[in-house]
Each structure stands twice: as structure tokens, then as C-alpha cells.
Amino acid sequence: MTKQTTTLTTQMVADAFCKHFSQPAECFYASPGRINLIGEHTDYNGGFVFPGAVDKGMIAAIRPNGTQTVHAFSIDLNDEAAFDLNDEQGPKASWARYIYGVCREMMARGVAVQGFDTAFAGDVPLGAGMSSSAALESCFAFAINELFGENKIEKFELARVGQATEHKYVGVNCGIMDQFASVFGKKGHLMRLDCRSGEFEYFPFNPEGYRLVLLNSCVKHELASSAYNDRRRSCENVVAHIAKRHEGVETLRDASWEWLDEVKAEIPEEDYRCAKYVLGEKDRVLAVSDALTRGDYDTVGRMMYLTHEGLSKDYKVSCEELDYLNDIARECGVTGSRVMGGGFGGCTINLVKADLYDRFIATAKAKYNERFGKEPLVYDVVIGDGSRRLEA
């Protein structure tokens, strides 16, 4: 959703709003992007995820305009769009459809959404798997809920609004993790979310002696046009076969290794590999939960490497560049490394001992540049807060 990676300020957005609309904004809202320590492609399978909000995200300046029309200005894209809240078709611009979808989903939940003017910008890096789209959805869902929600929608439903926007208006059949992390983020904490029940727990995450860093492969990916939805269909096909034998199986979360082996001969090999990865990832997230409680970051790192192997060889959502970054991490003695996000590009997330950090970054830049003719971008991760109203 953004072109820039500079740190945003409320003043920058306020100035852009005033210049574009010739009057000051009334209020400001922010929602973050996210990282996910472990638990990839498990959210839509009813499993566990382990995300945290980051200190980069979206900031929106908003002013109700007393009409039924939304006027939106994307500062980063220098583009504008307008739509009537009662228009069944909505705007054509892909970025504006996120805002339109949020408005329509909030209306469907009984919120009396009214027209408003808005200018927004973000510093979540594009293509990095940090969910800039979820940050945008969560920002406007939170804002609309506060501005127009006489009876406020609870926070988890705000996350579902963002998810429904992806499904209905963008064409990405995503799970709930990205929007959940953006809404519920808490500075200095990761969250283990049970995507089936909606229950979650905060885990303090301030690992002394370690740094968390993303390396962006600079390989662009578009989830809507990728094999993301194909992977989901593979998982659903396995569930359908298992459910014929065992009652109560709704997602792969409900399946066991034994039940998967029972249907192995009935399903395509690709579907079997996808299910194999998901069952393994469910176990790894629980192992990381226990390890974090003990302060055992070696186990955390080992699980991250196993996740990358599964995403690369079984789920097949990695790529040559991401696998190479993972190999470099191993060679440099990095504690844990894996592809993060939907895949097909984006970042690796790396848990690095502080005394190895400089050598790892220098080595990764040099070797990656030698192999692919460009350096990976480096994003140090700072865990931040979720959706919130900002002071003007």
C-alpha cells in the first residue's frame, strides 16, 4: 500500500490533508503492520499464530463531511478517489477498495457510517510480508467505529471487518491473523492467537542479547494473483476427505497425523504436502510457546528453521532468493530464520544474537548482491502498539 519506508508523523499527514482539502483534519488514527514469529498459513486452517505489531503502519487524517460520500487521498500514491457509501460497485482503484470495503462491512454490522474526507500514508514496506493492507483496513475500521459507532463494535469484530474486506472486495481469501495483530498489538509483546476460538494470550518479548530483523528479498509478490488461494483449496480438500471418515473435522486443526495418512492415497500429492506442513506448524507454534516461557531461544530458532523448510519444500511458497537468505543465516550462525508472510517473495525474519548481528547483515548484503545483483533491504523490528487514536 505504500511506496516509502520513512518514519511517518502525524504532522506530515495533517499537512497533506490540509493542503488537499483546504481545511484541517479533525482526528487522526493509526494502525500497525505486523510480523509473525511463527505459525504461517495456519490461521485459515484453524490453528495457532504468533504475531506482533510493529512500529510501522498507517496514519489517517479524517474529517466527517456531512454527506454520504467518502473522499480519499493516498499521500504515498498521490492519487485520489471518491465513492458514495450506497454505491454497490464501489471505486475501481485497488487501494480505494480497501477503504470502501471497510465502510460497507461496518455498515453491514449496523454502524451508521457517514461520509468523510481522509488523507492517509504508511511506512510499512511494500512486498515485505508485513501486511500493509491489514494496517489500512484496521486503521479505518477503528476510526469509523469511534466516529460513527453509537454502539461500538468489539475489537475482534473490527479484525473480522478487515478480513471480510479482503475476501469480498480484494479477492484474497486470507485468515484473521494480520488484522488481529494490527488491532490488538501491544508494545513489547507477541500474541499467540487461537484462530479457531479467537482466544489469545500476550507473551512478553524482550529477548536480551538477541535482535529481530527482517531481510527483504526485494522480490515482489501479489497474494491476489499468486497461488495463495490454491494452497487454501488444497487444505480444504484434505479436510473434506478426512471428514468423510471422522466426525467434527472442520479444518486441519482438527486433524491428526494418523488421519492424514489414512487419506494419503486418495488426495493429490500436492494436497498431502500442504496438510503435512500445516500439522507440523501447529506443533511448532506450541513448542515455541513453551520455549518462550522458559526463555529458550535456541528452541525458538530451531522451530523457525523447520518452518522455513516446510514452507519451501512442502507448502512451496518460498523462492530461490528467500531460500538463499535462509542458507546465509545458517552459515552465519543465526539462531533462527524463515520466510515470513504469504510467500513467493518478501522477507525472511531472523532471530540473531546481538554479537553476530553486524557480521550477519554485512555477509547477507555481500553474498546476496553477488548472487542476484542487489542487496536485501534491512528492517530492524520494534514491537509496537495496535490500532489507536492519535493526538493531533
Protein backbone atom coordinates (compact mmCIF):
# COMPACT_ATOMS: atom_id res chain seq x y z
CA MET A 1 0.00 0.00 0.00
CA THR A 2 2.97 2.35 0.33
CA LYS A 3 5.97 3.38 -1.69
CA GLN A 4 8.04 4.76 1.14
CA THR A 5 9.74 3.34 4.21
CA THR A 6 10.45 6.57 6.08
CA THR A 7 9.07 7.09 9.55
CA LEU A 8 5.68 8.80 9.44
CA THR A 9 4.50 11.58 11.70
CA THR A 10 1.00 12.84 12.38
CA GLN A 11 2.14 16.29 11.27
CA MET A 12 3.11 15.02 7.82
CA VAL A 13 -0.34 13.55 7.29
CA ALA A 14 -2.06 16.61 8.80
CA ASP A 15 -0.21 18.91 6.41
CA ALA A 16 -1.12 16.76 3.39
CA PHE A 17 -4.77 16.67 4.43
CA CYS A 18 -4.96 20.44 4.87
CA LYS A 19 -3.27 21.06 1.53
CA HIS A 20 -5.54 18.65 -0.35
CA PHE A 21 -8.88 19.51 1.29
CA SER A 22 -8.17 23.19 2.13
CA GLN A 23 -9.15 22.70 5.76
CA PRO A 24 -7.66 20.91 8.78
CA ALA A 25 -8.48 17.35 9.74
CA GLU A 26 -10.48 16.72 12.92
CA CYS A 27 -8.88 13.49 14.09
CA PHE A 28 -6.04 11.08 13.43
CA TYR A 29 -5.81 7.30 13.67
CA ALA A 30 -3.02 4.77 13.31
CA SER A 31 -2.74 1.01 12.87
CA PRO A 32 0.46 -1.01 12.53
CA GLY A 33 1.79 -3.64 10.23
CA ARG A 34 2.91 -6.87 11.81
CA ILE A 35 5.50 -9.60 11.95
CA ASN A 36 4.77 -13.22 12.71
CA LEU A 37 7.37 -15.10 14.68
CA ILE A 38 5.97 -18.49 13.70
CA GLY A 39 2.67 -20.00 12.60
CA GLU A 40 2.46 -19.32 8.87
CA HIS A 41 -0.55 -20.35 6.73
CA THR A 42 -2.18 -21.80 9.83
CA ASP A 43 -4.73 -19.07 10.50
CA TYR A 44 -7.19 -20.14 7.80
CA ASN A 45 -6.66 -23.73 8.90
CA GLY A 46 -7.97 -23.05 12.42
CA GLY A 47 -4.53 -23.27 14.00
CA PHE A 48 -2.27 -21.01 16.06
CA VAL A 49 -0.25 -17.97 15.05
CA PHE A 50 2.30 -15.88 16.95
CA PRO A 51 2.27 -12.32 15.61
CA GLY A 52 3.30 -8.96 16.99
CA ALA A 53 2.51 -5.44 15.82
CA VAL A 54 5.44 -3.31 14.63
CA ASP A 55 6.27 0.36 14.91
CA LYS A 56 5.48 0.96 11.24
CA GLY A 57 1.96 1.28 9.89
CA MET A 58 -0.73 3.57 8.55
CA ILE A 59 -1.80 7.01 9.73
CA ALA A 60 -5.08 8.51 8.52
CA ALA A 61 -6.36 12.05 8.97
CA ILE A 62 -10.15 12.19 8.88
CA ARG A 63 -12.86 14.83 8.85
CA PRO A 64 -16.60 13.94 8.58
CA ASN A 65 -18.12 15.94 5.72
CA GLY A 66 -21.86 15.66 6.38
CA THR A 67 -22.61 13.80 3.14
CA GLN A 68 -22.83 10.17 2.03
CA THR A 69 -19.63 10.42 0.02
CA VAL A 70 -16.10 9.45 1.03
CA HIS A 71 -13.26 11.47 -0.49
CA ALA A 72 -9.93 9.68 -0.02
CA PHE A 73 -6.43 10.85 -0.86
CA SER A 74 -3.48 8.46 -0.85
CA ILE A 75 -0.47 10.59 0.02
CA ASP A 76 2.05 7.92 -0.99
CA LEU A 77 0.48 7.29 -4.38
CA ASN A 78 -0.56 10.92 -4.93
CA ASP A 79 -3.93 9.60 -6.04
CA GLU A 80 -7.49 10.36 -5.03
CA ALA A 81 -10.82 8.55 -5.20
CA ALA A 82 -14.40 9.20 -4.19
CA PHE A 83 -17.33 6.86 -3.68
CA ASP A 84 -20.90 7.00 -2.45
CA LEU A 85 -21.45 4.82 0.60
CA ASN A 86 -24.59 3.35 -1.01
CA ASP A 87 -22.88 2.51 -4.30
CA GLU A 88 -22.98 -1.26 -4.77
CA GLN A 89 -19.99 -1.28 -7.14
CA GLY A 90 -17.51 0.96 -5.37
CA PRO A 91 -14.32 2.54 -6.74
CA LYS A 92 -12.09 0.86 -9.30
CA ALA A 93 -8.73 1.84 -7.80
CA SER A 94 -7.42 -1.14 -5.86
CA TRP A 95 -6.20 0.95 -2.90
CA ALA A 96 -9.58 2.70 -2.56
CA ARG A 97 -11.42 -0.61 -2.48
CA TYR A 98 -9.88 -1.35 0.91
CA ILE A 99 -11.50 1.75 2.39
CA TYR A 100 -14.75 1.14 0.53
CA GLY A 101 -14.87 -2.46 1.74
CA VAL A 102 -14.32 -1.44 5.36
CA CYS A 103 -17.11 1.14 5.12
CA ARG A 104 -19.52 -1.40 3.63
CA GLU A 105 -18.65 -4.08 6.19
CA MET A 106 -19.11 -1.64 9.07
CA MET A 107 -22.49 -0.64 7.63
CA ALA A 108 -23.46 -4.31 7.38
CA ARG A 109 -22.78 -4.58 11.12
CA GLY A 110 -25.16 -1.75 11.93
CA VAL A 111 -22.76 1.18 12.11
CA ALA A 112 -24.31 4.36 10.67
CA VAL A 113 -21.29 5.28 8.57
CA GLN A 114 -21.37 8.80 7.15
CA GLY A 115 -19.25 10.48 4.53
CA PHE A 116 -15.80 11.77 5.39
CA ASP A 117 -12.68 13.24 3.87
CA THR A 118 -9.43 11.42 4.54
CA ALA A 119 -5.76 11.57 3.66
CA PHE A 120 -3.53 8.69 4.66
CA ALA A 121 0.01 7.42 4.35
CA GLY A 122 2.07 4.48 5.52
CA ASP A 123 5.62 3.37 6.16
CA VAL A 124 5.04 -0.37 6.03
CA PRO A 125 7.41 -1.58 3.28
CA LEU A 126 5.62 -2.93 0.21
CA GLY A 127 6.10 -6.61 -0.54
CA ALA A 128 7.75 -7.30 2.80
CA GLY A 129 5.01 -9.53 4.20
CA MET A 130 4.25 -7.03 6.98
CA SER A 131 0.60 -6.63 5.97
CA SER A 132 0.25 -3.03 4.93
CA SER A 133 -3.25 -3.83 3.67
CA ALA A 134 -4.35 -5.06 7.10
CA ALA A 135 -2.90 -1.91 8.65
CA LEU A 136 -5.02 0.18 6.29
CA GLU A 137 -8.17 -1.84 6.94
CA SER A 138 -7.71 -1.80 10.70
CA CYS A 139 -6.98 1.91 10.74
CA PHE A 140 -10.26 2.79 9.03
CA ALA A 141 -12.31 0.17 10.88
CA PHE A 142 -11.10 1.54 14.21
CA ALA A 143 -11.70 5.13 13.12
CA ILE A 144 -15.18 4.51 11.74
CA ASN A 145 -16.12 2.60 14.87
CA GLU A 146 -15.13 5.52 17.07
CA LEU A 147 -16.55 8.26 14.84
CA PHE A 148 -19.87 6.71 13.83
CA GLY A 149 -20.45 3.70 16.05
CA GLU A 150 -23.15 4.68 18.54
CA ASN A 151 -22.98 1.12 19.83
CA LYS A 152 -19.33 0.25 19.48
CA ILE A 153 -18.27 -2.95 17.75
CA GLU A 154 -15.90 -5.03 19.85
CA LYS A 155 -12.28 -5.15 18.75
CA PHE A 156 -12.21 -8.70 17.42
CA GLU A 157 -15.10 -7.86 15.11
CA LEU A 158 -13.03 -4.98 13.76
CA ALA A 159 -10.42 -7.54 12.74
CA ARG A 160 -13.15 -9.56 11.02
CA VAL A 161 -14.20 -6.44 9.12
CA GLY A 162 -10.72 -6.24 7.63
CA GLN A 163 -10.73 -9.93 6.81
CA ALA A 164 -14.13 -9.68 5.10
CA THR A 165 -12.84 -6.72 3.09
CA GLU A 166 -10.01 -8.85 1.73
CA HIS A 167 -12.42 -11.67 0.87
CA LYS A 168 -15.23 -9.68 -0.75
CA TYR A 169 -13.61 -6.60 -2.24
CA VAL A 170 -9.99 -7.51 -2.95
CA GLY A 171 -10.12 -11.22 -3.78
CA VAL A 172 -7.67 -12.57 -1.21
CA ASN A 173 -9.08 -15.42 0.86
CA CYS A 174 -6.93 -14.61 3.90
CA GLY A 175 -7.17 -15.71 7.50
CA ILE A 176 -7.64 -13.44 10.52
CA MET A 177 -4.07 -13.08 11.79
CA ASP A 178 -2.98 -9.89 10.01
CA GLN A 179 -5.98 -7.84 11.04
CA PHE A 180 -5.97 -9.28 14.56
CA ALA A 181 -2.34 -8.31 15.10
CA SER A 182 -2.95 -4.82 13.75
CA VAL A 183 -5.92 -4.22 16.06
CA PHE A 184 -4.65 -5.92 19.23
CA GLY A 185 -0.89 -5.21 19.11
CA LYS A 186 0.83 -4.33 22.37
CA LYS A 187 4.27 -2.79 22.70
CA GLY A 188 6.88 -5.28 23.89
CA HIS A 189 4.58 -8.29 23.46
CA LEU A 190 3.86 -11.01 20.96
CA MET A 191 0.46 -12.69 20.87
CA ARG A 192 -0.44 -16.33 20.50
CA LEU A 193 -3.81 -16.45 18.80
CA ASP A 194 -6.02 -19.50 18.55
CA CYS A 195 -7.60 -18.82 15.16
CA ARG A 196 -10.41 -21.28 15.81
CA SER A 197 -11.66 -19.97 19.14
CA GLY A 198 -10.40 -16.38 18.95
CA GLU A 199 -8.71 -16.77 22.33
CA PHE A 200 -5.30 -15.18 22.64
CA GLU A 201 -2.54 -14.58 25.13
CA TYR A 202 0.14 -11.90 25.31
CA PHE A 203 3.74 -13.08 25.70
CA PRO A 204 6.38 -10.53 26.77
CA PHE A 205 9.01 -10.35 24.04
CA ASN A 206 12.17 -8.51 25.02
CA PRO A 207 14.84 -11.11 24.34
CA GLU A 208 18.03 -9.88 25.94
CA GLY A 209 21.09 -10.49 23.82
CA TYR A 210 19.07 -11.03 20.62
CA ARG A 211 17.79 -8.85 17.81
CA LEU A 212 14.87 -9.48 15.49
CA VAL A 213 15.48 -8.33 11.92
CA LEU A 214 13.79 -8.71 8.55
CA LEU A 215 15.73 -9.10 5.32
CA ASN A 216 13.67 -8.10 2.31
CA SER A 217 14.49 -10.16 -0.75
CA CYS A 218 13.12 -7.33 -2.93
CA VAL A 219 11.13 -9.95 -4.81
CA LYS A 220 7.65 -8.58 -5.38
CA HIS A 221 4.65 -10.74 -4.67
CA GLU A 222 0.93 -10.16 -5.13
CA LEU A 223 -1.13 -12.51 -3.00
CA ALA A 224 -4.31 -11.97 -5.02
CA SER A 225 -2.60 -13.26 -8.18
CA SER A 226 -0.40 -15.87 -6.51
CA ALA A 227 -1.01 -19.48 -5.55
CA TYR A 228 -2.21 -18.43 -2.07
CA ASN A 229 -5.81 -19.38 -2.76
CA ASP A 230 -4.67 -22.65 -4.37
CA ARG A 231 -2.92 -23.63 -1.13
CA ARG A 232 -6.10 -22.96 0.81
CA ARG A 233 -8.12 -25.12 -1.56
CA SER A 234 -5.59 -27.92 -1.12
CA CYS A 235 -6.05 -27.80 2.65
CA GLU A 236 -9.83 -27.75 2.32
CA ASN A 237 -9.73 -30.76 0.02
CA VAL A 238 -7.78 -32.77 2.60
CA VAL A 239 -10.27 -31.76 5.29
CA ALA A 240 -13.16 -32.92 3.09
CA HIS A 241 -11.61 -36.36 2.69
CA ILE A 242 -10.81 -36.73 6.39
CA ALA A 243 -14.30 -35.54 7.37
CA LYS A 244 -15.83 -38.46 5.46
CA ARG A 245 -14.16 -40.79 7.95
CA HIS A 246 -14.21 -38.74 11.15
CA GLU A 247 -16.95 -36.50 12.50
CA GLY A 248 -16.30 -32.96 13.66
CA VAL A 249 -13.37 -32.23 11.37
CA GLU A 250 -13.84 -28.69 10.08
CA THR A 251 -10.25 -27.57 9.49
CA LEU A 252 -6.80 -29.15 9.56
CA ARG A 253 -6.59 -28.00 13.18
CA ASP A 254 -8.98 -30.89 13.95
CA ALA A 255 -6.94 -33.49 12.04
CA SER A 256 -4.26 -35.83 13.34
CA TRP A 257 -1.20 -37.27 11.65
CA GLU A 258 -2.86 -40.69 11.62
CA TRP A 259 -5.96 -39.36 9.89
CA LEU A 260 -3.84 -37.61 7.28
CA ASP A 261 -2.07 -40.87 6.48
CA GLU A 262 -5.46 -42.59 6.09
CA VAL A 263 -6.38 -40.38 3.13
CA LYS A 264 -2.92 -40.03 1.62
CA ALA A 265 -3.72 -42.36 -1.28
CA GLU A 266 -6.96 -40.52 -2.09
CA ILE A 267 -5.59 -36.99 -2.46
CA PRO A 268 -3.09 -35.32 -4.80
CA GLU A 269 0.48 -35.34 -3.58
CA GLU A 270 0.46 -31.54 -3.53
CA ASP A 271 -2.53 -31.51 -1.17
CA TYR A 272 -0.87 -34.05 1.11
CA ARG A 273 2.30 -31.96 1.34
CA CYS A 274 0.30 -28.86 2.22
CA ALA A 275 -1.54 -30.68 5.00
CA LYS A 276 1.72 -32.19 6.26
CA TYR A 277 3.19 -28.72 6.61
CA VAL A 278 0.14 -27.34 8.44
CA LEU A 279 0.06 -30.17 11.00
CA GLY A 280 3.76 -29.72 11.64
CA GLU A 281 3.39 -25.97 12.03
CA LYS A 282 0.62 -26.45 14.58
CA ASP A 283 3.04 -28.47 16.70
CA ARG A 284 5.87 -25.96 16.22
CA VAL A 285 3.83 -23.00 17.44
CA LEU A 286 3.02 -24.80 20.68
CA ALA A 287 6.68 -25.72 21.07
CA VAL A 288 7.66 -22.06 20.67
CA SER A 289 5.08 -21.05 23.28
CA ASP A 290 6.71 -23.33 25.81
CA ALA A 291 10.19 -22.24 24.77
CA LEU A 292 9.41 -18.53 25.19
CA THR A 293 8.04 -19.21 28.64
CA ARG A 294 11.38 -20.81 29.52
CA GLY A 295 13.43 -18.17 27.73
CA ASP A 296 14.77 -20.91 25.47
CA TYR A 297 15.55 -19.03 22.26
CA ASP A 298 17.61 -21.87 20.81
CA THR A 299 14.42 -23.92 20.54
CA VAL A 300 12.56 -20.94 19.11
CA GLY A 301 15.23 -20.63 16.43
CA ARG A 302 15.23 -24.33 15.64
CA MET A 303 11.47 -24.25 15.10
CA MET A 304 11.85 -21.25 12.78
CA TYR A 305 14.29 -23.16 10.57
CA LEU A 306 11.94 -26.15 10.45
CA THR A 307 9.12 -23.84 9.43
CA HIS A 308 11.17 -22.46 6.57
CA GLU A 309 11.98 -25.97 5.38
CA GLY A 310 8.29 -26.86 5.41
CA LEU A 311 7.24 -23.67 3.63
CA SER A 312 9.91 -24.23 0.98
CA LYS A 313 9.67 -27.98 0.34
CA ASP A 314 6.10 -28.92 1.33
CA TYR A 315 3.94 -25.79 1.05
CA LYS A 316 6.14 -24.48 -1.78
CA VAL A 317 5.63 -20.78 -1.14
CA SER A 318 9.30 -19.83 -0.91
CA CYS A 319 11.55 -18.85 -3.80
CA GLU A 320 15.23 -19.07 -4.73
CA GLU A 321 16.05 -15.70 -3.15
CA LEU A 322 14.37 -16.47 0.18
CA ASP A 323 15.98 -19.90 0.37
CA TYR A 324 19.37 -18.28 -0.24
CA LEU A 325 18.84 -15.77 2.57
CA ASN A 326 17.89 -18.65 4.85
CA ASP A 327 21.06 -20.52 3.86
CA ILE A 328 23.18 -17.46 4.64
CA ALA A 329 21.56 -17.20 8.07
CA ARG A 330 22.52 -20.81 8.83
CA GLU A 331 26.08 -20.25 7.66
CA CYS A 332 26.40 -17.19 9.89
CA GLY A 333 25.13 -18.99 12.98
CA VAL A 334 21.86 -17.06 13.18
CA THR A 335 19.65 -18.61 15.87
CA GLY A 336 16.51 -18.78 13.72
CA SER A 337 15.40 -17.76 10.23
CA ARG A 338 12.43 -18.36 7.97
CA VAL A 339 10.33 -16.86 5.21
CA MET A 340 7.62 -14.64 6.68
CA GLY A 341 4.20 -13.82 5.26
CA GLY A 342 2.26 -15.30 2.36
CA GLY A 343 5.42 -16.22 0.50
CA PHE A 344 6.53 -16.02 -3.13
CA GLY A 345 8.81 -13.13 -2.14
CA GLY A 346 9.06 -10.65 0.68
CA CYS A 347 11.18 -11.12 3.77
CA THR A 348 12.91 -13.58 5.97
CA ILE A 349 12.53 -12.99 9.70
CA ASN A 350 15.71 -13.63 11.65
CA LEU A 351 16.41 -14.08 15.35
CA VAL A 352 20.05 -13.05 15.70
CA LYS A 353 22.40 -12.92 18.66
CA ALA A 354 23.41 -9.32 19.13
CA ASP A 355 27.13 -10.04 18.79
CA LEU A 356 26.55 -11.72 15.40
CA TYR A 357 24.25 -9.05 14.00
CA ASP A 358 26.74 -6.81 12.18
CA ARG A 359 28.59 -9.71 10.56
CA PHE A 360 25.35 -11.36 9.50
CA ILE A 361 23.97 -8.23 7.86
CA ALA A 362 27.25 -7.48 6.08
CA THR A 363 27.57 -11.07 4.84
CA ALA A 364 23.94 -11.24 3.69
CA LYS A 365 24.26 -8.00 1.74
CA ALA A 366 27.51 -9.01 0.07
CA LYS A 367 26.54 -12.58 -0.86
CA TYR A 368 23.03 -11.68 -1.97
CA ASN A 369 24.34 -8.86 -4.13
CA GLU A 370 26.92 -11.17 -5.68
CA ARG A 371 24.24 -13.76 -6.47
CA PHE A 372 21.28 -11.58 -7.51
CA GLY A 373 22.77 -8.18 -8.32
CA LYS A 374 21.06 -6.30 -5.50
CA GLU A 375 21.25 -6.03 -1.75
CA PRO A 376 18.42 -7.12 0.56
CA LEU A 377 16.76 -4.33 2.49
CA VAL A 378 17.16 -4.49 6.27
CA TYR A 379 14.34 -3.73 8.71
CA ASP A 380 15.04 -3.91 12.41
CA VAL A 381 11.88 -4.98 14.20
CA VAL A 382 10.47 -2.98 17.08
CA ILE A 383 7.27 -4.39 18.58
CA GLY A 384 4.65 -1.64 18.93
CA ASP A 385 1.02 -0.90 19.77
CA GLY A 386 -2.14 -1.71 17.82
CA SER A 387 -4.93 0.45 16.41
CA ARG A 388 -5.39 3.72 18.25
CA ARG A 389 -6.40 7.35 18.06
CA LEU A 390 -3.53 9.82 17.87
CA GLU A 391 -3.22 13.26 19.33
CA ALA A 392 -3.43 15.98 16.71
